[in-house]
Amino acid sequence: MSVLILTEAGTSIGFGHFSRMIALNAFLDAAAIKVKTLLYAKGDFQLNHKLVEIHNWQQDDNFSELCSNFENVLIDSYLAKSKIYESLQSFFKKVIAIDDYNRIVYPVDIVINPNVFFDQIDYNNQSAKCYGGSDFVILRESFRKYEKPKVSQESGILITLGGSDYRNLLPQLCELSQVNKQITLICPEKEKLESLQEKYQKVRILGKLSESEILQEFVNAEIVISGCGQTLHELYHLRKKTVGICIDRDQIMNQEYYLNVKFLNRKIGWDSSAILNEISEAVVDLREERFRPVFLNPISPTKNLENYISLFKE
């Protein structure tokens, strides 16, 4: 069995697609399955991975030459148009689309929604077989293997909004340092990083981190302020006190799910005129234990990745 993965990352795209696909890539490789990932990268993107190649697969007329050695293709993209999926049918035994919110009608064999809210979306418009839910959530390898120690030292607030702060929220969130000590902020964008470091010297501001470094920052923090995308799954798995900000429409249902299961306490949107007050109140609720997050539906990350292999073999 062999799998080609097509995905994207970079400026205004973020790193969510790439993060979950690189985790799947690593798991398949460890299971002795032939795998390769082609990454469309927008902007300045540094990559060092033997199984990943930067390639503009969405606009390559000679793309068929890259497909000849693989049986299955898996596409995780918000940019790919229907005709791309349709053209892939000629080269692969099985074409699988990763989808978060029923983006388009996919001319594929299988659609997988790797999110906890899968059963809230009506996929009756799709002719492909549709799978998803908590059994298909993908966690990065370091998070998947992490075991929480019996005694942990947690302190401070960590702020992370993913790979691209296209809502320009990070400067606003730095203002939380006026009433909160020990704030750490992750800003992968180099130009914005330098600007924030110069203006907010009381805030510990970090640039782009490795997977293991991000995990360590999550583990060390008492409270994490995060977007409501893929990171929420990881924070839930780590059982972290979390304040979630909905950054875009593809995060709405994720935020609602985690509100409903009592992992999150407050519904906060990126465009709220009172966003700093809402976040500050949520932080106080967590610190003073007026709200205690609930973790009743654990994610089984290794079993989830095995479910992908089962679909490839189906």
C-alpha atoms as a PDB file:
ATOM      1  CA  MET A   1       0.000   0.000   0.000  1.00  0.00           C
ATOM      2  CA  SER A   2       1.189   3.536  -0.746  1.00  0.00           C
ATOM      3  CA  VAL A   3      -0.187   7.009  -0.028  1.00  0.00           C
ATOM      4  CA  LEU A   4       0.531  10.422  -1.547  1.00  0.00           C
ATOM      5  CA  ILE A   5      -0.564  13.365   0.623  1.00  0.00           C
ATOM      6  CA  LEU A   6      -1.301  16.803  -0.860  1.00  0.00           C
ATOM      7  CA  THR A   7      -1.642  19.764   1.470  1.00  0.00           C
ATOM      8  CA  GLU A   8      -0.798  23.449   2.021  1.00  0.00           C
ATOM      9  CA  ALA A   9       0.635  25.888   4.572  1.00  0.00           C
ATOM     10  CA  GLY A  10       2.013  29.387   4.976  1.00  0.00           C
ATOM     11  CA  THR A  11       0.972  33.014   4.924  1.00  0.00           C
ATOM     12  CA  SER A  12      -2.824  33.505   5.299  1.00  0.00           C
ATOM     13  CA  ILE A  13      -3.198  29.695   5.222  1.00  0.00           C
ATOM     14  CA  GLY A  14      -1.731  28.762   8.587  1.00  0.00           C
ATOM     15  CA  PHE A  15      -0.242  25.429   9.573  1.00  0.00           C
ATOM     16  CA  GLY A  16      -3.280  23.391  10.639  1.00  0.00           C
ATOM     17  CA  HIS A  17      -3.533  21.293   7.465  1.00  0.00           C
ATOM     18  CA  PHE A  18       0.198  20.667   7.361  1.00  0.00           C
ATOM     19  CA  SER A  19       0.413  19.795  11.072  1.00  0.00           C
ATOM     20  CA  ARG A  20      -2.187  17.067  10.894  1.00  0.00           C
ATOM     21  CA  MET A  21      -0.916  15.685   7.583  1.00  0.00           C
ATOM     22  CA  ILE A  22       2.699  15.540   8.751  1.00  0.00           C
ATOM     23  CA  ALA A  23       1.472  13.612  11.814  1.00  0.00           C
ATOM     24  CA  LEU A  24      -0.339  11.148   9.558  1.00  0.00           C
ATOM     25  CA  ASN A  25       2.701  10.985   7.277  1.00  0.00           C
ATOM     26  CA  ALA A  26       4.980  10.042  10.187  1.00  0.00           C
ATOM     27  CA  PHE A  27       2.557   7.394  11.446  1.00  0.00           C
ATOM     28  CA  LEU A  28       2.229   5.769   8.016  1.00  0.00           C
ATOM     29  CA  ASP A  29       5.995   5.755   7.570  1.00  0.00           C
ATOM     30  CA  ALA A  30       6.460   4.116  10.989  1.00  0.00           C
ATOM     31  CA  ALA A  31       3.931   1.467   9.916  1.00  0.00           C
ATOM     32  CA  ALA A  32       6.131   0.654   6.882  1.00  0.00           C
ATOM     33  CA  ILE A  33       3.640   2.187   4.446  1.00  0.00           C
ATOM     34  CA  LYS A  34       5.149   4.030   1.495  1.00  0.00           C
ATOM     35  CA  VAL A  35       4.177   7.692   1.898  1.00  0.00           C
ATOM     36  CA  LYS A  36       5.136  11.122   0.610  1.00  0.00           C
ATOM     37  CA  THR A  37       3.706  14.601   1.181  1.00  0.00           C
ATOM     38  CA  LEU A  38       3.677  17.387  -1.402  1.00  0.00           C
ATOM     39  CA  LEU A  39       3.281  20.776   0.263  1.00  0.00           C
ATOM     40  CA  TYR A  40       2.087  23.959  -1.408  1.00  0.00           C
ATOM     41  CA  ALA A  41       3.867  26.621   0.661  1.00  0.00           C
ATOM     42  CA  LYS A  42       2.862  30.283   0.515  1.00  0.00           C
ATOM     43  CA  GLY A  43       5.416  32.822   1.682  1.00  0.00           C
ATOM     44  CA  ASP A  44       8.676  32.161   3.508  1.00  0.00           C
ATOM     45  CA  PHE A  45       8.490  28.554   4.652  1.00  0.00           C
ATOM     46  CA  GLN A  46      11.434  26.585   6.035  1.00  0.00           C
ATOM     47  CA  LEU A  47      11.166  22.822   5.714  1.00  0.00           C
ATOM     48  CA  ASN A  48      13.422  19.968   6.783  1.00  0.00           C
ATOM     49  CA  HIS A  49      11.644  16.644   6.398  1.00  0.00           C
ATOM     50  CA  LYS A  50      12.756  13.693   4.303  1.00  0.00           C
ATOM     51  CA  LEU A  51       9.195  12.665   3.349  1.00  0.00           C
ATOM     52  CA  VAL A  52       7.922  16.156   2.478  1.00  0.00           C
ATOM     53  CA  GLU A  53       8.597  18.115  -0.701  1.00  0.00           C
ATOM     54  CA  ILE A  54       7.562  21.710  -1.369  1.00  0.00           C
ATOM     55  CA  HIS A  55       5.700  21.670  -4.660  1.00  0.00           C
ATOM     56  CA  ASN A  56       2.920  23.788  -6.181  1.00  0.00           C
ATOM     57  CA  TRP A  57       0.799  20.730  -6.941  1.00  0.00           C
ATOM     58  CA  GLN A  58      -2.313  22.860  -7.539  1.00  0.00           C
ATOM     59  CA  GLN A  59      -0.861  24.485 -10.660  1.00  0.00           C
ATOM     60  CA  ASP A  60       1.480  21.819 -12.061  1.00  0.00           C
ATOM     61  CA  ASP A  61       0.502  20.654 -15.561  1.00  0.00           C
ATOM     62  CA  ASN A  62       2.995  17.773 -15.294  1.00  0.00           C
ATOM     63  CA  PHE A  63       1.643  16.617 -11.962  1.00  0.00           C
ATOM     64  CA  SER A  64       0.848  13.147 -13.304  1.00  0.00           C
ATOM     65  CA  GLU A  65       4.570  12.301 -13.245  1.00  0.00           C
ATOM     66  CA  LEU A  66       4.527  12.567  -9.437  1.00  0.00           C
ATOM     67  CA  CYS A  67       1.553  10.228  -9.077  1.00  0.00           C
ATOM     68  CA  SER A  68       2.830   7.115 -10.787  1.00  0.00           C
ATOM     69  CA  ASN A  69       4.284   5.395  -7.722  1.00  0.00           C
ATOM     70  CA  PHE A  70       1.288   5.713  -5.386  1.00  0.00           C
ATOM     71  CA  GLU A  71      -2.021   3.854  -5.106  1.00  0.00           C
ATOM     72  CA  ASN A  72      -3.926   6.308  -2.904  1.00  0.00           C
ATOM     73  CA  VAL A  73      -4.014  10.089  -2.643  1.00  0.00           C
ATOM     74  CA  LEU A  74      -5.200  12.123   0.347  1.00  0.00           C
ATOM     75  CA  ILE A  75      -5.881  15.860  -0.080  1.00  0.00           C
ATOM     76  CA  ASP A  76      -6.136  18.295   2.846  1.00  0.00           C
ATOM     77  CA  SER A  77      -6.787  21.706   1.300  1.00  0.00           C
ATOM     78  CA  TYR A  78      -9.041  24.766   1.463  1.00  0.00           C
ATOM     79  CA  LEU A  79      -7.679  26.045  -1.858  1.00  0.00           C
ATOM     80  CA  ALA A  80      -8.032  23.055  -4.186  1.00  0.00           C
ATOM     81  CA  LYS A  81     -10.939  23.315  -6.626  1.00  0.00           C
ATOM     82  CA  SER A  82     -13.262  20.520  -7.662  1.00  0.00           C
ATOM     83  CA  LYS A  83     -11.479  19.953 -10.974  1.00  0.00           C
ATOM     84  CA  ILE A  84      -8.255  19.031  -9.156  1.00  0.00           C
ATOM     85  CA  TYR A  85      -9.968  16.247  -7.212  1.00  0.00           C
ATOM     86  CA  GLU A  86     -11.647  15.087 -10.410  1.00  0.00           C
ATOM     87  CA  SER A  87      -8.370  14.942 -12.336  1.00  0.00           C
ATOM     88  CA  LEU A  88      -6.761  12.819  -9.603  1.00  0.00           C
ATOM     89  CA  GLN A  89      -9.270  10.027 -10.252  1.00  0.00           C
ATOM     90  CA  SER A  90      -7.319   9.131 -13.398  1.00  0.00           C
ATOM     91  CA  PHE A  91      -4.103   8.414 -11.521  1.00  0.00           C
ATOM     92  CA  PHE A  92      -5.097   6.748  -8.249  1.00  0.00           C
ATOM     93  CA  LYS A  93      -6.933   3.679  -7.061  1.00  0.00           C
ATOM     94  CA  LYS A  94      -8.553   5.735  -4.307  1.00  0.00           C
ATOM     95  CA  VAL A  95      -8.967   9.510  -3.872  1.00  0.00           C
ATOM     96  CA  ILE A  96      -9.713  10.762  -0.354  1.00  0.00           C
ATOM     97  CA  ALA A  97     -10.579  14.333   0.652  1.00  0.00           C
ATOM     98  CA  ILE A  98     -10.099  15.797   4.120  1.00  0.00           C
ATOM     99  CA  ASP A  99     -12.910  18.249   4.844  1.00  0.00           C
ATOM    100  CA  ASP A 100     -13.753  20.462   7.831  1.00  0.00           C
ATOM    101  CA  TYR A 101     -17.091  22.040   6.938  1.00  0.00           C
ATOM    102  CA  ASN A 102     -18.541  20.531   3.724  1.00  0.00           C
ATOM    103  CA  ARG A 103     -16.565  23.045   1.660  1.00  0.00           C
ATOM    104  CA  ILE A 104     -17.543  21.706  -1.789  1.00  0.00           C
ATOM    105  CA  VAL A 105     -19.047  18.607  -3.376  1.00  0.00           C
ATOM    106  CA  TYR A 106     -15.979  16.399  -3.703  1.00  0.00           C
ATOM    107  CA  PRO A 107     -15.656  14.124  -6.778  1.00  0.00           C
ATOM    108  CA  VAL A 108     -13.762  11.541  -4.699  1.00  0.00           C
ATOM    109  CA  ASP A 109     -14.168   8.062  -3.214  1.00  0.00           C
ATOM    110  CA  ILE A 110     -14.070   9.014   0.468  1.00  0.00           C
ATOM    111  CA  VAL A 111     -14.516  12.219   2.495  1.00  0.00           C
ATOM    112  CA  ILE A 112     -13.084  12.337   6.030  1.00  0.00           C
ATOM    113  CA  ASN A 113     -13.937  15.074   8.518  1.00  0.00           C
ATOM    114  CA  PRO A 114     -11.233  14.808  11.232  1.00  0.00           C
ATOM    115  CA  ASN A 115     -13.209  16.843  13.748  1.00  0.00           C
ATOM    116  CA  VAL A 116     -15.280  16.163  16.842  1.00  0.00           C
ATOM    117  CA  PHE A 117     -18.324  17.902  15.311  1.00  0.00           C
ATOM    118  CA  PHE A 118     -18.605  15.614  12.259  1.00  0.00           C
ATOM    119  CA  ASP A 119     -22.136  14.450  13.130  1.00  0.00           C
ATOM    120  CA  GLN A 120     -23.357  18.072  13.171  1.00  0.00           C
ATOM    121  CA  ILE A 121     -22.744  18.470   9.422  1.00  0.00           C
ATOM    122  CA  ASP A 122     -25.185  17.222   6.779  1.00  0.00           C
ATOM    123  CA  TYR A 123     -23.144  15.411   4.124  1.00  0.00           C
ATOM    124  CA  ASN A 124     -26.135  14.183   2.107  1.00  0.00           C
ATOM    125  CA  ASN A 125     -24.939  16.326  -0.816  1.00  0.00           C
ATOM    126  CA  GLN A 126     -21.852  14.113  -1.164  1.00  0.00           C
ATOM    127  CA  SER A 127     -21.869  10.962  -3.301  1.00  0.00           C
ATOM    128  CA  ALA A 128     -18.638   9.765  -1.661  1.00  0.00           C
ATOM    129  CA  LYS A 129     -18.584   7.687   1.518  1.00  0.00           C
ATOM    130  CA  CYS A 130     -18.244  10.054   4.489  1.00  0.00           C
ATOM    131  CA  TYR A 131     -16.460   9.339   7.767  1.00  0.00           C
ATOM    132  CA  GLY A 132     -15.368  11.477  10.684  1.00  0.00           C
ATOM    133  CA  GLY A 133     -15.732  12.483  14.306  1.00  0.00           C
ATOM    134  CA  SER A 134     -13.566  11.987  17.371  1.00  0.00           C
ATOM    135  CA  ASP A 135     -12.365   8.637  15.943  1.00  0.00           C
ATOM    136  CA  PHE A 136     -10.536  10.517  13.165  1.00  0.00           C
ATOM    137  CA  VAL A 137      -9.046  13.472  15.080  1.00  0.00           C
ATOM    138  CA  ILE A 138      -5.307  13.684  14.352  1.00  0.00           C
ATOM    139  CA  LEU A 139      -2.816  14.756  17.006  1.00  0.00           C
ATOM    140  CA  ARG A 140       0.833  15.499  16.345  1.00  0.00           C
ATOM    141  CA  GLU A 141       3.264  12.769  17.386  1.00  0.00           C
ATOM    142  CA  SER A 142       4.711  14.580  20.420  1.00  0.00           C
ATOM    143  CA  PHE A 143       1.221  15.294  21.753  1.00  0.00           C
ATOM    144  CA  ARG A 144       0.049  11.770  20.985  1.00  0.00           C
ATOM    145  CA  LYS A 145       2.864  10.210  23.016  1.00  0.00           C
ATOM    146  CA  TYR A 146       2.925  12.684  25.903  1.00  0.00           C
ATOM    147  CA  GLU A 147       2.217  11.332  29.375  1.00  0.00           C
ATOM    148  CA  LYS A 148       1.395  13.882  32.049  1.00  0.00           C
ATOM    149  CA  PRO A 149       3.555  13.561  35.184  1.00  0.00           C
ATOM    150  CA  LYS A 150       1.879  13.060  38.547  1.00  0.00           C
ATOM    151  CA  VAL A 151       3.267  16.400  39.736  1.00  0.00           C
ATOM    152  CA  SER A 152       3.527  19.269  37.246  1.00  0.00           C
ATOM    153  CA  GLN A 153       4.761  22.844  37.541  1.00  0.00           C
ATOM    154  CA  GLU A 154       2.369  25.093  35.614  1.00  0.00           C
ATOM    155  CA  SER A 155       2.522  28.880  35.604  1.00  0.00           C
ATOM    156  CA  GLY A 156       1.608  31.879  33.509  1.00  0.00           C
ATOM    157  CA  ILE A 157      -0.488  32.405  30.390  1.00  0.00           C
ATOM    158  CA  LEU A 158       0.448  31.160  26.927  1.00  0.00           C
ATOM    159  CA  ILE A 159      -1.049  32.816  23.827  1.00  0.00           C
ATOM    160  CA  THR A 160      -1.012  30.973  20.496  1.00  0.00           C
ATOM    161  CA  LEU A 161      -3.159  31.609  17.418  1.00  0.00           C
ATOM    162  CA  GLY A 162      -1.536  29.276  14.899  1.00  0.00           C
ATOM    163  CA  GLY A 163       0.822  30.002  12.058  1.00  0.00           C
ATOM    164  CA  SER A 164      -0.778  33.133  10.607  1.00  0.00           C
ATOM    165  CA  ASP A 165      -2.240  36.032  12.620  1.00  0.00           C
ATOM    166  CA  TYR A 166      -4.286  37.354   9.699  1.00  0.00           C
ATOM    167  CA  ARG A 167      -6.820  38.923  12.092  1.00  0.00           C
ATOM    168  CA  ASN A 168      -3.979  40.926  13.680  1.00  0.00           C
ATOM    169  CA  LEU A 169      -5.053  39.850  17.168  1.00  0.00           C
ATOM    170  CA  LEU A 170      -1.621  39.332  18.709  1.00  0.00           C
ATOM    171  CA  PRO A 171      -0.951  43.067  19.313  1.00  0.00           C
ATOM    172  CA  GLN A 172      -4.321  43.325  21.098  1.00  0.00           C
ATOM    173  CA  LEU A 173      -3.632  40.250  23.197  1.00  0.00           C
ATOM    174  CA  CYS A 174      -0.260  41.645  24.279  1.00  0.00           C
ATOM    175  CA  GLU A 175      -2.262  44.311  26.126  1.00  0.00           C
ATOM    176  CA  LEU A 176      -3.266  41.593  28.599  1.00  0.00           C
ATOM    177  CA  SER A 177       0.213  42.077  30.076  1.00  0.00           C
ATOM    178  CA  GLN A 178      -1.049  45.276  31.717  1.00  0.00           C
ATOM    179  CA  VAL A 179      -3.030  43.215  34.240  1.00  0.00           C
ATOM    180  CA  ASN A 180      -1.379  39.786  33.968  1.00  0.00           C
ATOM    181  CA  LYS A 181       2.189  38.831  34.775  1.00  0.00           C
ATOM    182  CA  GLN A 182       4.156  36.053  33.103  1.00  0.00           C
ATOM    183  CA  ILE A 183       2.643  36.046  29.615  1.00  0.00           C
ATOM    184  CA  THR A 184       4.250  34.070  26.793  1.00  0.00           C
ATOM    185  CA  LEU A 185       3.166  34.641  23.189  1.00  0.00           C
ATOM    186  CA  ILE A 186       4.035  32.554  20.125  1.00  0.00           C
ATOM    187  CA  CYS A 187       4.345  34.525  16.865  1.00  0.00           C
ATOM    188  CA  PRO A 188       5.697  32.489  13.904  1.00  0.00           C
ATOM    189  CA  GLU A 189       5.626  35.487  11.531  1.00  0.00           C
ATOM    190  CA  LYS A 190       9.092  37.054  11.556  1.00  0.00           C
ATOM    191  CA  GLU A 191       8.220  40.706  10.802  1.00  0.00           C
ATOM    192  CA  LYS A 192       5.382  40.826  13.319  1.00  0.00           C
ATOM    193  CA  LEU A 193       7.558  39.024  15.873  1.00  0.00           C
ATOM    194  CA  GLU A 194      10.226  41.737  15.759  1.00  0.00           C
ATOM    195  CA  SER A 195       7.631  44.510  16.005  1.00  0.00           C
ATOM    196  CA  LEU A 196       5.920  42.930  19.014  1.00  0.00           C
ATOM    197  CA  GLN A 197       9.206  42.215  20.793  1.00  0.00           C
ATOM    198  CA  GLU A 198      10.180  45.864  20.473  1.00  0.00           C
ATOM    199  CA  LYS A 199       6.826  47.222  21.704  1.00  0.00           C
ATOM    200  CA  TYR A 200       5.891  44.710  24.432  1.00  0.00           C
ATOM    201  CA  GLN A 201       9.058  44.059  26.390  1.00  0.00           C
ATOM    202  CA  LYS A 202       7.181  42.713  29.428  1.00  0.00           C
ATOM    203  CA  VAL A 203       5.830  39.856  27.310  1.00  0.00           C
ATOM    204  CA  ARG A 204       7.957  36.788  26.556  1.00  0.00           C
ATOM    205  CA  ILE A 205       7.514  36.594  22.784  1.00  0.00           C
ATOM    206  CA  LEU A 206       8.707  33.530  20.885  1.00  0.00           C
ATOM    207  CA  GLY A 207       9.029  32.932  17.152  1.00  0.00           C
ATOM    208  CA  LYS A 208       8.332  29.782  15.190  1.00  0.00           C
ATOM    209  CA  LEU A 209       8.835  26.725  17.406  1.00  0.00           C
ATOM    210  CA  SER A 210       9.371  23.051  16.731  1.00  0.00           C
ATOM    211  CA  GLU A 211       6.643  20.563  17.585  1.00  0.00           C
ATOM    212  CA  SER A 212       8.405  19.477  20.773  1.00  0.00           C
ATOM    213  CA  GLU A 213       9.016  23.092  21.814  1.00  0.00           C
ATOM    214  CA  ILE A 214       5.329  23.938  21.344  1.00  0.00           C
ATOM    215  CA  LEU A 215       4.349  20.938  23.438  1.00  0.00           C
ATOM    216  CA  GLN A 216       6.674  22.052  26.235  1.00  0.00           C
ATOM    217  CA  GLU A 217       5.183  25.568  26.228  1.00  0.00           C
ATOM    218  CA  PHE A 218       1.672  24.080  26.416  1.00  0.00           C
ATOM    219  CA  VAL A 219       2.672  21.799  29.273  1.00  0.00           C
ATOM    220  CA  ASN A 220       4.363  24.582  31.260  1.00  0.00           C
ATOM    221  CA  ALA A 221       1.483  27.072  31.012  1.00  0.00           C
ATOM    222  CA  GLU A 222      -1.236  27.318  33.643  1.00  0.00           C
ATOM    223  CA  ILE A 223      -3.713  28.697  31.075  1.00  0.00           C
ATOM    224  CA  VAL A 224      -3.577  28.723  27.262  1.00  0.00           C
ATOM    225  CA  ILE A 225      -5.333  31.324  25.093  1.00  0.00           C
ATOM    226  CA  SER A 226      -5.792  29.704  21.698  1.00  0.00           C
ATOM    227  CA  GLY A 227      -7.628  29.815  18.415  1.00  0.00           C
ATOM    228  CA  CYS A 228     -10.397  27.228  18.021  1.00  0.00           C
ATOM    229  CA  GLY A 229      -8.833  25.114  15.292  1.00  0.00           C
ATOM    230  CA  GLN A 230      -6.720  21.949  15.518  1.00  0.00           C
ATOM    231  CA  THR A 231      -4.923  23.231  18.621  1.00  0.00           C
ATOM    232  CA  LEU A 232      -8.094  22.795  20.691  1.00  0.00           C
ATOM    233  CA  HIS A 233      -7.943  19.025  20.178  1.00  0.00           C
ATOM    234  CA  GLU A 234      -4.377  18.960  21.471  1.00  0.00           C
ATOM    235  CA  LEU A 235      -5.170  21.144  24.474  1.00  0.00           C
ATOM    236  CA  TYR A 236      -8.169  18.971  25.307  1.00  0.00           C
ATOM    237  CA  HIS A 237      -5.997  15.866  25.082  1.00  0.00           C
ATOM    238  CA  LEU A 238      -3.454  17.523  27.422  1.00  0.00           C
ATOM    239  CA  ARG A 239      -6.292  18.531  29.781  1.00  0.00           C
ATOM    240  CA  LYS A 240      -5.212  22.182  29.794  1.00  0.00           C
ATOM    241  CA  LYS A 241      -7.210  25.126  31.115  1.00  0.00           C
ATOM    242  CA  THR A 242      -8.043  26.933  27.881  1.00  0.00           C
ATOM    243  CA  VAL A 243      -9.632  30.146  26.601  1.00  0.00           C
ATOM    244  CA  GLY A 244     -10.721  29.686  22.984  1.00  0.00           C
ATOM    245  CA  ILE A 245     -11.052  32.488  20.412  1.00  0.00           C
ATOM    246  CA  CYS A 246     -12.957  31.702  17.217  1.00  0.00           C
ATOM    247  CA  ILE A 247     -10.791  33.084  14.400  1.00  0.00           C
ATOM    248  CA  ASP A 248     -12.790  32.078  11.307  1.00  0.00           C
ATOM    249  CA  ARG A 249     -15.899  30.253  10.130  1.00  0.00           C
ATOM    250  CA  ASP A 250     -14.158  26.880   9.949  1.00  0.00           C
ATOM    251  CA  GLN A 251     -13.633  27.123  13.737  1.00  0.00           C
ATOM    252  CA  ILE A 252     -17.242  27.898  14.716  1.00  0.00           C
ATOM    253  CA  MET A 253     -18.393  24.308  15.145  1.00  0.00           C
ATOM    254  CA  ASN A 254     -15.214  23.291  16.954  1.00  0.00           C
ATOM    255  CA  GLN A 255     -15.749  26.089  19.460  1.00  0.00           C
ATOM    256  CA  GLU A 256     -19.412  25.145  19.905  1.00  0.00           C
ATOM    257  CA  TYR A 257     -18.548  21.482  20.515  1.00  0.00           C
ATOM    258  CA  TYR A 258     -16.016  22.285  23.210  1.00  0.00           C
ATOM    259  CA  LEU A 259     -18.416  24.752  24.816  1.00  0.00           C
ATOM    260  CA  ASN A 260     -21.106  22.058  24.898  1.00  0.00           C
ATOM    261  CA  VAL A 261     -18.833  19.474  26.548  1.00  0.00           C
ATOM    262  CA  LYS A 262     -17.728  22.090  29.125  1.00  0.00           C
ATOM    263  CA  PHE A 263     -14.089  22.264  28.070  1.00  0.00           C
ATOM    264  CA  LEU A 264     -14.522  25.944  27.179  1.00  0.00           C
ATOM    265  CA  ASN A 265     -16.523  28.366  29.298  1.00  0.00           C
ATOM    266  CA  ARG A 266     -17.056  31.451  27.133  1.00  0.00           C
ATOM    267  CA  LYS A 267     -17.945  32.003  23.490  1.00  0.00           C
ATOM    268  CA  ILE A 268     -15.386  34.543  22.289  1.00  0.00           C
ATOM    269  CA  GLY A 269     -15.085  35.760  18.695  1.00  0.00           C
ATOM    270  CA  TRP A 270     -12.153  37.516  17.056  1.00  0.00           C
ATOM    271  CA  ASP A 271     -14.337  40.508  16.122  1.00  0.00           C
ATOM    272  CA  SER A 272     -15.824  41.134  19.575  1.00  0.00           C
ATOM    273  CA  SER A 273     -15.543  44.775  20.656  1.00  0.00           C
ATOM    274  CA  ALA A 274     -14.998  43.568  24.235  1.00  0.00           C
ATOM    275  CA  ILE A 275     -12.549  40.779  23.448  1.00  0.00           C
ATOM    276  CA  LEU A 276      -9.942  41.736  26.074  1.00  0.00           C
ATOM    277  CA  ASN A 277     -12.567  41.963  28.824  1.00  0.00           C
ATOM    278  CA  GLU A 278     -14.061  38.617  27.788  1.00  0.00           C
ATOM    279  CA  ILE A 279     -10.668  36.924  27.810  1.00  0.00           C
ATOM    280  CA  SER A 280      -9.707  38.496  31.141  1.00  0.00           C
ATOM    281  CA  GLU A 281     -12.947  37.295  32.733  1.00  0.00           C
ATOM    282  CA  ALA A 282     -12.419  33.788  31.347  1.00  0.00           C
ATOM    283  CA  VAL A 283      -8.873  33.726  32.768  1.00  0.00           C
ATOM    284  CA  VAL A 284     -10.135  34.764  36.210  1.00  0.00           C
ATOM    285  CA  ASP A 285     -12.860  32.092  36.079  1.00  0.00           C
ATOM    286  CA  LEU A 286     -10.203  29.445  35.433  1.00  0.00           C
ATOM    287  CA  ARG A 287      -7.683  30.717  37.967  1.00  0.00           C
ATOM    288  CA  GLU A 288     -10.224  31.028  40.758  1.00  0.00           C
ATOM    289  CA  GLU A 289     -11.864  27.739  39.700  1.00  0.00           C
ATOM    290  CA  ARG A 290     -15.260  29.330  39.200  1.00  0.00           C
ATOM    291  CA  PHE A 291     -15.156  27.230  36.050  1.00  0.00           C
ATOM    292  CA  ARG A 292     -13.543  23.799  35.982  1.00  0.00           C
ATOM    293  CA  PRO A 293     -13.119  22.244  32.514  1.00  0.00           C
ATOM    294  CA  VAL A 294     -14.583  18.778  31.977  1.00  0.00           C
ATOM    295  CA  PHE A 295     -12.752  15.952  30.154  1.00  0.00           C
ATOM    296  CA  LEU A 296     -15.282  13.142  29.718  1.00  0.00           C
ATOM    297  CA  ASN A 297     -14.620  12.185  26.069  1.00  0.00           C
ATOM    298  CA  PRO A 298     -10.913  11.331  25.759  1.00  0.00           C
ATOM    299  CA  ILE A 299      -9.301  11.218  22.319  1.00  0.00           C
ATOM    300  CA  SER A 300      -7.525   7.959  21.370  1.00  0.00           C
ATOM    301  CA  PRO A 301      -4.910   9.359  18.964  1.00  0.00           C
ATOM    302  CA  THR A 302      -3.113   6.144  17.998  1.00  0.00           C
ATOM    303  CA  LYS A 303      -6.346   4.249  17.328  1.00  0.00           C
ATOM    304  CA  ASN A 304      -7.542   7.220  15.272  1.00  0.00           C
ATOM    305  CA  LEU A 305      -4.548   7.016  12.941  1.00  0.00           C
ATOM    306  CA  GLU A 306      -5.081   3.284  12.570  1.00  0.00           C
ATOM    307  CA  ASN A 307      -8.601   4.131  11.350  1.00  0.00           C
ATOM    308  CA  TYR A 308      -7.060   6.012   8.401  1.00  0.00           C
ATOM    309  CA  ILE A 309      -5.038   2.945   7.445  1.00  0.00           C
ATOM    310  CA  SER A 310      -8.219   0.862   7.558  1.00  0.00           C
ATOM    311  CA  LEU A 311      -9.881   3.229   5.069  1.00  0.00           C
ATOM    312  CA  PHE A 312      -6.882   3.086   2.736  1.00  0.00           C
ATOM    313  CA  LYS A 313      -7.200  -0.706   2.750  1.00  0.00           C
ATOM    314  CA  GLU A 314     -11.005  -0.713   2.360  1.00  0.00           C
END
